[in-house]
Amino acid sequence: MNDDVKFIELIEKEVLAFDDVSRFAGASLTENIQTAFGRGLINPGIRVTTEDELITINLDIIVYFGVNIPQLCYDIQTKVKNNIEAETGLEIKAVNITVEGIDERNPGNQES
């Protein structure tokens, strides 16, 4: 497994640890076309760019109904930035989050 895959998986693990995050948003039309031509994405809801050795992480997520979205996004940004920097030694310039939608919680799957 290469380092890019491990890096994306680490980000994915950090974000999905939040109970109020339902899932990552699906692939866009452009990303589906890239996949069709053999340029598959590890997780279409996570995009990482590097400029001048600074890393920007862009996340497209779906959250659950009733969530305090600004607070959740702040918490995700803080956790992802701090934990990724601590685990990799890389400097994270920004963690940008786009909430692409809202899911209803399944009452049978709620934790007490």
Protein backbone atom coordinates (compact mmCIF):
# COMPACT_ATOMS: atom_id res chain seq x y z
CA MET A 1 0.00 0.00 0.00
CA ASN A 2 1.49 3.36 -0.95
CA ASP A 3 1.77 6.45 1.23
CA ASP A 4 -1.03 8.34 -0.58
CA VAL A 5 -3.52 5.59 0.19
CA LYS A 6 -2.43 5.45 3.84
CA PHE A 7 -2.71 9.25 4.11
CA ILE A 8 -6.26 9.27 2.70
CA GLU A 9 -7.27 6.36 4.93
CA LEU A 10 -5.93 8.23 7.97
CA ILE A 11 -8.01 11.30 7.08
CA GLU A 12 -11.06 9.12 6.43
CA LYS A 13 -10.70 7.44 9.83
CA GLU A 14 -10.44 10.79 11.64
CA VAL A 15 -13.56 12.22 9.95
CA LEU A 16 -15.75 9.12 10.29
CA ALA A 17 -14.95 8.96 14.03
CA PHE A 18 -17.50 11.76 14.42
CA ASP A 19 -20.94 10.25 15.08
CA ASP A 20 -22.64 13.20 13.39
CA VAL A 21 -20.95 12.49 10.04
CA SER A 22 -23.05 10.11 7.99
CA ARG A 23 -20.61 9.53 5.13
CA PHE A 24 -18.46 11.19 2.50
CA ALA A 25 -20.22 12.68 -0.51
CA GLY A 26 -20.26 10.61 -3.69
CA ALA A 27 -18.20 11.11 -6.77
CA SER A 28 -18.95 13.98 -9.14
CA LEU A 29 -19.49 13.48 -12.85
CA THR A 30 -15.87 14.50 -13.54
CA GLU A 31 -14.58 12.00 -10.98
CA ASN A 32 -16.78 9.26 -12.45
CA ILE A 33 -15.29 9.99 -15.88
CA GLN A 34 -11.76 9.86 -14.41
CA THR A 35 -12.56 6.50 -12.85
CA ALA A 36 -13.88 5.22 -16.20
CA PHE A 37 -10.53 6.08 -17.78
CA GLY A 38 -8.55 4.25 -15.11
CA ARG A 39 -7.78 7.24 -12.90
CA GLY A 40 -9.75 5.99 -9.92
CA LEU A 41 -10.03 7.90 -6.70
CA ILE A 42 -9.38 6.41 -3.29
CA ASN A 43 -12.25 8.38 -1.73
CA PRO A 44 -13.98 10.99 -3.88
CA GLY A 45 -15.00 12.95 -0.78
CA ILE A 46 -11.36 13.64 0.14
CA ARG A 47 -9.06 15.74 -2.02
CA VAL A 48 -5.54 16.65 -0.98
CA THR A 49 -3.44 19.32 -2.67
CA THR A 50 0.11 20.43 -1.95
CA GLU A 51 1.57 23.85 -2.62
CA ASP A 52 4.97 25.00 -1.35
CA GLU A 53 5.14 21.91 0.89
CA LEU A 54 1.90 22.93 2.61
CA ILE A 55 -1.03 20.54 2.44
CA THR A 56 -4.67 21.51 1.96
CA ILE A 57 -7.33 18.91 2.68
CA ASN A 58 -10.78 19.35 1.12
CA LEU A 59 -13.61 17.24 2.52
CA ASP A 60 -17.09 16.75 1.08
CA ILE A 61 -19.33 15.21 3.71
CA ILE A 62 -22.93 14.31 4.44
CA VAL A 63 -24.07 14.97 8.00
CA TYR A 64 -27.07 13.88 10.03
CA PHE A 65 -30.16 16.03 10.43
CA GLY A 66 -30.21 18.22 13.54
CA VAL A 67 -26.46 18.62 13.80
CA ASN A 68 -24.86 21.95 14.69
CA ILE A 69 -23.03 22.16 11.35
CA PRO A 70 -20.67 25.09 12.12
CA GLN A 71 -19.52 23.45 15.37
CA LEU A 72 -19.15 20.03 13.75
CA CYS A 73 -17.05 21.47 10.92
CA TYR A 74 -14.84 23.36 13.38
CA ASP A 75 -14.34 20.19 15.43
CA ILE A 76 -13.47 18.14 12.32
CA GLN A 77 -11.04 20.81 11.08
CA THR A 78 -9.27 20.95 14.43
CA LYS A 79 -9.08 17.18 14.93
CA VAL A 80 -7.97 16.39 11.38
CA LYS A 81 -5.32 19.13 11.32
CA ASN A 82 -3.87 18.30 14.75
CA ASN A 83 -3.95 14.50 14.43
CA ILE A 84 -2.63 14.35 10.86
CA GLU A 85 0.21 16.73 11.71
CA ALA A 86 1.04 14.71 14.84
CA GLU A 87 0.95 11.34 13.05
CA THR A 88 2.75 12.34 9.84
CA GLY A 89 4.91 15.32 10.74
CA LEU A 90 3.50 17.17 7.72
CA GLU A 91 2.23 20.74 7.94
CA ILE A 92 -1.46 21.16 7.14
CA LYS A 93 -2.29 24.60 5.74
CA ALA A 94 -6.06 24.17 5.78
CA VAL A 95 -8.88 21.69 6.18
CA ASN A 96 -11.83 22.88 4.07
CA ILE A 97 -15.21 21.24 4.54
CA THR A 98 -18.23 21.31 2.27
CA VAL A 99 -21.43 19.83 3.66
CA GLU A 100 -23.01 18.33 0.55
CA GLY A 101 -26.18 17.05 2.17
CA ILE A 102 -28.09 15.87 5.19
CA ASP A 103 -29.19 12.32 6.02
CA GLU A 104 -31.85 11.22 8.47
CA ARG A 105 -30.66 9.06 11.31
CA ASN A 106 -31.94 5.52 11.31
CA PRO A 107 -33.65 5.20 14.74
CA GLY A 108 -32.59 1.56 15.00
CA ASN A 109 -28.90 2.47 14.70
CA GLN A 110 -28.69 5.29 17.25
CA GLU A 111 -26.33 4.80 20.14
CA SER A 112 -27.49 5.51 23.67
